[in-house]
């Protein structure tokens, strides 16, 4: 995609996201040509969410592959966490068994 068209698309999506956030009551503001932000409060702590919109110049196949790669990474992390939790539970059970003997 040519730069001029990418700039138009980016601007259009920045406005769409801004308009959506505003429509759901967020105190949204534009902080750069491709960024919006809004304040949040979570568990009495204040912060800001910042959203950046970009149009990449990669081939479609590469962009789709990034999705797949990220899903695989999440799956791998979940499997590792599950394995660690299982190992920790086994260690705890062994320790409890030893202490009861």
C-alpha atoms as a PDB file:
ATOM      1  CA  UNK A   1       0.000   0.000   0.000  1.00  0.00           C
ATOM      2  CA  UNK A   2       1.340   3.398  -0.949  1.00  0.00           C
ATOM      3  CA  UNK A   3       2.184   5.798   1.873  1.00  0.00           C
ATOM      4  CA  UNK A   4      -0.457   8.383   0.923  1.00  0.00           C
ATOM      5  CA  UNK A   5      -3.202   5.754   0.977  1.00  0.00           C
ATOM      6  CA  UNK A   6      -1.852   4.209   4.193  1.00  0.00           C
ATOM      7  CA  UNK A   7      -2.034   7.648   5.845  1.00  0.00           C
ATOM      8  CA  UNK A   8      -5.664   8.059   4.776  1.00  0.00           C
ATOM      9  CA  UNK A   9      -6.580   4.583   6.032  1.00  0.00           C
ATOM     10  CA  UNK A  10      -4.769   5.142   9.333  1.00  0.00           C
ATOM     11  CA  UNK A  11      -6.514   8.471   9.851  1.00  0.00           C
ATOM     12  CA  UNK A  12      -9.891   6.912   9.027  1.00  0.00           C
ATOM     13  CA  UNK A  13      -9.427   4.056  11.507  1.00  0.00           C
ATOM     14  CA  UNK A  14      -8.127   6.406  14.189  1.00  0.00           C
ATOM     15  CA  UNK A  15     -11.332   8.422  13.822  1.00  0.00           C
ATOM     16  CA  UNK A  16     -13.520   5.290  13.852  1.00  0.00           C
ATOM     17  CA  UNK A  17     -11.886   4.042  17.042  1.00  0.00           C
ATOM     18  CA  UNK A  18     -12.122   7.512  18.604  1.00  0.00           C
ATOM     19  CA  UNK A  19     -15.804   7.780  17.680  1.00  0.00           C
ATOM     20  CA  UNK A  20     -16.550   4.307  19.036  1.00  0.00           C
ATOM     21  CA  UNK A  21     -14.830   4.951  22.355  1.00  0.00           C
ATOM     22  CA  UNK A  22     -16.597   8.292  22.671  1.00  0.00           C
ATOM     23  CA  UNK A  23     -19.956   6.624  21.885  1.00  0.00           C
ATOM     24  CA  UNK A  24     -19.521   4.218  24.807  1.00  0.00           C
ATOM     25  CA  UNK A  25     -18.769   7.055  27.188  1.00  0.00           C
ATOM     26  CA  UNK A  26     -14.982   7.017  27.370  1.00  0.00           C
ATOM     27  CA  UNK A  27     -13.133  10.313  27.905  1.00  0.00           C
ATOM     28  CA  UNK A  28     -11.076   9.713  24.779  1.00  0.00           C
ATOM     29  CA  UNK A  29      -8.573  12.093  23.239  1.00  0.00           C
ATOM     30  CA  UNK A  30      -6.262  12.106  20.234  1.00  0.00           C
ATOM     31  CA  UNK A  31      -2.612  12.381  21.283  1.00  0.00           C
ATOM     32  CA  UNK A  32      -0.940  11.901  17.880  1.00  0.00           C
ATOM     33  CA  UNK A  33      -2.007  11.418  14.288  1.00  0.00           C
ATOM     34  CA  UNK A  34      -2.391   7.692  14.949  1.00  0.00           C
ATOM     35  CA  UNK A  35      -2.963   7.470  18.726  1.00  0.00           C
ATOM     36  CA  UNK A  36      -5.850   7.892  21.112  1.00  0.00           C
ATOM     37  CA  UNK A  37      -5.924   7.529  24.872  1.00  0.00           C
ATOM     38  CA  UNK A  38      -8.447   7.448  27.690  1.00  0.00           C
ATOM     39  CA  UNK A  39      -8.282   7.257  31.476  1.00  0.00           C
ATOM     40  CA  UNK A  40      -9.210   4.149  33.443  1.00  0.00           C
ATOM     41  CA  UNK A  41      -9.597   3.199  37.086  1.00  0.00           C
ATOM     42  CA  UNK A  42      -8.979  -0.408  38.112  1.00  0.00           C
ATOM     43  CA  UNK A  43      -9.096  -1.497  41.757  1.00  0.00           C
ATOM     44  CA  UNK A  44      -8.893   2.175  42.820  1.00  0.00           C
ATOM     45  CA  UNK A  45      -5.734   2.718  40.757  1.00  0.00           C
ATOM     46  CA  UNK A  46      -5.738   5.227  37.926  1.00  0.00           C
ATOM     47  CA  UNK A  47      -4.085   4.754  34.556  1.00  0.00           C
ATOM     48  CA  UNK A  48      -4.475   5.402  30.848  1.00  0.00           C
ATOM     49  CA  UNK A  49      -5.106   3.101  27.919  1.00  0.00           C
ATOM     50  CA  UNK A  50      -3.288   4.160  24.771  1.00  0.00           C
ATOM     51  CA  UNK A  51      -4.195   2.743  21.361  1.00  0.00           C
ATOM     52  CA  UNK A  52      -1.911   3.188  18.364  1.00  0.00           C
ATOM     53  CA  UNK A  53      -3.149   2.512  14.851  1.00  0.00           C
ATOM     54  CA  UNK A  54      -0.695   1.575  12.132  1.00  0.00           C
ATOM     55  CA  UNK A  55      -0.900   0.267   8.603  1.00  0.00           C
ATOM     56  CA  UNK A  56       1.891  -2.203   7.917  1.00  0.00           C
ATOM     57  CA  UNK A  57       3.542  -2.840   4.590  1.00  0.00           C
ATOM     58  CA  UNK A  58       3.987  -6.587   4.984  1.00  0.00           C
ATOM     59  CA  UNK A  59       2.530  -9.250   2.733  1.00  0.00           C
ATOM     60  CA  UNK A  60      -0.861 -10.619   3.775  1.00  0.00           C
ATOM     61  CA  UNK A  61       0.561 -14.095   4.335  1.00  0.00           C
ATOM     62  CA  UNK A  62       3.050 -12.706   6.846  1.00  0.00           C
ATOM     63  CA  UNK A  63       0.336 -10.801   8.714  1.00  0.00           C
ATOM     64  CA  UNK A  64      -1.857 -13.896   8.940  1.00  0.00           C
ATOM     65  CA  UNK A  65       1.149 -15.961  10.044  1.00  0.00           C
ATOM     66  CA  UNK A  66       1.755 -13.510  12.902  1.00  0.00           C
ATOM     67  CA  UNK A  67      -1.731 -14.328  14.199  1.00  0.00           C
ATOM     68  CA  UNK A  68      -1.027 -18.052  14.067  1.00  0.00           C
ATOM     69  CA  UNK A  69       2.386 -17.629  15.689  1.00  0.00           C
ATOM     70  CA  UNK A  70       0.896 -15.611  18.555  1.00  0.00           C
ATOM     71  CA  UNK A  71      -1.859 -18.152  19.173  1.00  0.00           C
ATOM     72  CA  UNK A  72       0.771 -20.911  19.220  1.00  0.00           C
ATOM     73  CA  UNK A  73       2.852 -18.917  21.697  1.00  0.00           C
ATOM     74  CA  UNK A  74      -0.147 -18.473  24.002  1.00  0.00           C
ATOM     75  CA  UNK A  75      -0.932 -22.183  23.770  1.00  0.00           C
ATOM     76  CA  UNK A  76       2.680 -23.083  24.570  1.00  0.00           C
ATOM     77  CA  UNK A  77       2.717 -20.750  27.589  1.00  0.00           C
ATOM     78  CA  UNK A  78      -0.552 -22.219  28.869  1.00  0.00           C
ATOM     79  CA  UNK A  79       0.788 -25.759  28.491  1.00  0.00           C
ATOM     80  CA  UNK A  80       3.989 -24.836  30.371  1.00  0.00           C
ATOM     81  CA  UNK A  81       1.982 -23.179  33.154  1.00  0.00           C
ATOM     82  CA  UNK A  82      -0.258 -26.234  33.415  1.00  0.00           C
ATOM     83  CA  UNK A  83       2.753 -28.552  33.583  1.00  0.00           C
ATOM     84  CA  UNK A  84       4.410 -26.396  36.255  1.00  0.00           C
ATOM     85  CA  UNK A  85       1.203 -26.309  38.318  1.00  0.00           C
ATOM     86  CA  UNK A  86       0.973 -30.103  38.077  1.00  0.00           C
ATOM     87  CA  UNK A  87       4.609 -30.528  39.130  1.00  0.00           C
ATOM     88  CA  UNK A  88       4.128 -28.106  42.037  1.00  0.00           C
ATOM     89  CA  UNK A  89       1.028 -29.993  43.169  1.00  0.00           C
ATOM     90  CA  UNK A  90       2.933 -33.291  43.044  1.00  0.00           C
ATOM     91  CA  UNK A  91       5.808 -31.822  45.070  1.00  0.00           C
ATOM     92  CA  UNK A  92       3.355 -30.436  47.619  1.00  0.00           C
ATOM     93  CA  UNK A  93       1.599 -33.808  47.879  1.00  0.00           C
ATOM     94  CA  UNK A  94       4.932 -35.620  48.381  1.00  0.00           C
ATOM     95  CA  UNK A  95       5.963 -33.129  51.064  1.00  0.00           C
ATOM     96  CA  UNK A  96       2.611 -33.489  52.840  1.00  0.00           C
ATOM     97  CA  UNK A  97       2.905 -37.282  52.681  1.00  0.00           C
ATOM     98  CA  UNK A  98       6.438 -37.173  54.142  1.00  0.00           C
ATOM     99  CA  UNK A  99       5.336 -34.888  56.972  1.00  0.00           C
ATOM    100  CA  UNK A 100       2.408 -37.160  57.850  1.00  0.00           C
ATOM    101  CA  UNK A 101       4.619 -40.253  58.131  1.00  0.00           C
END
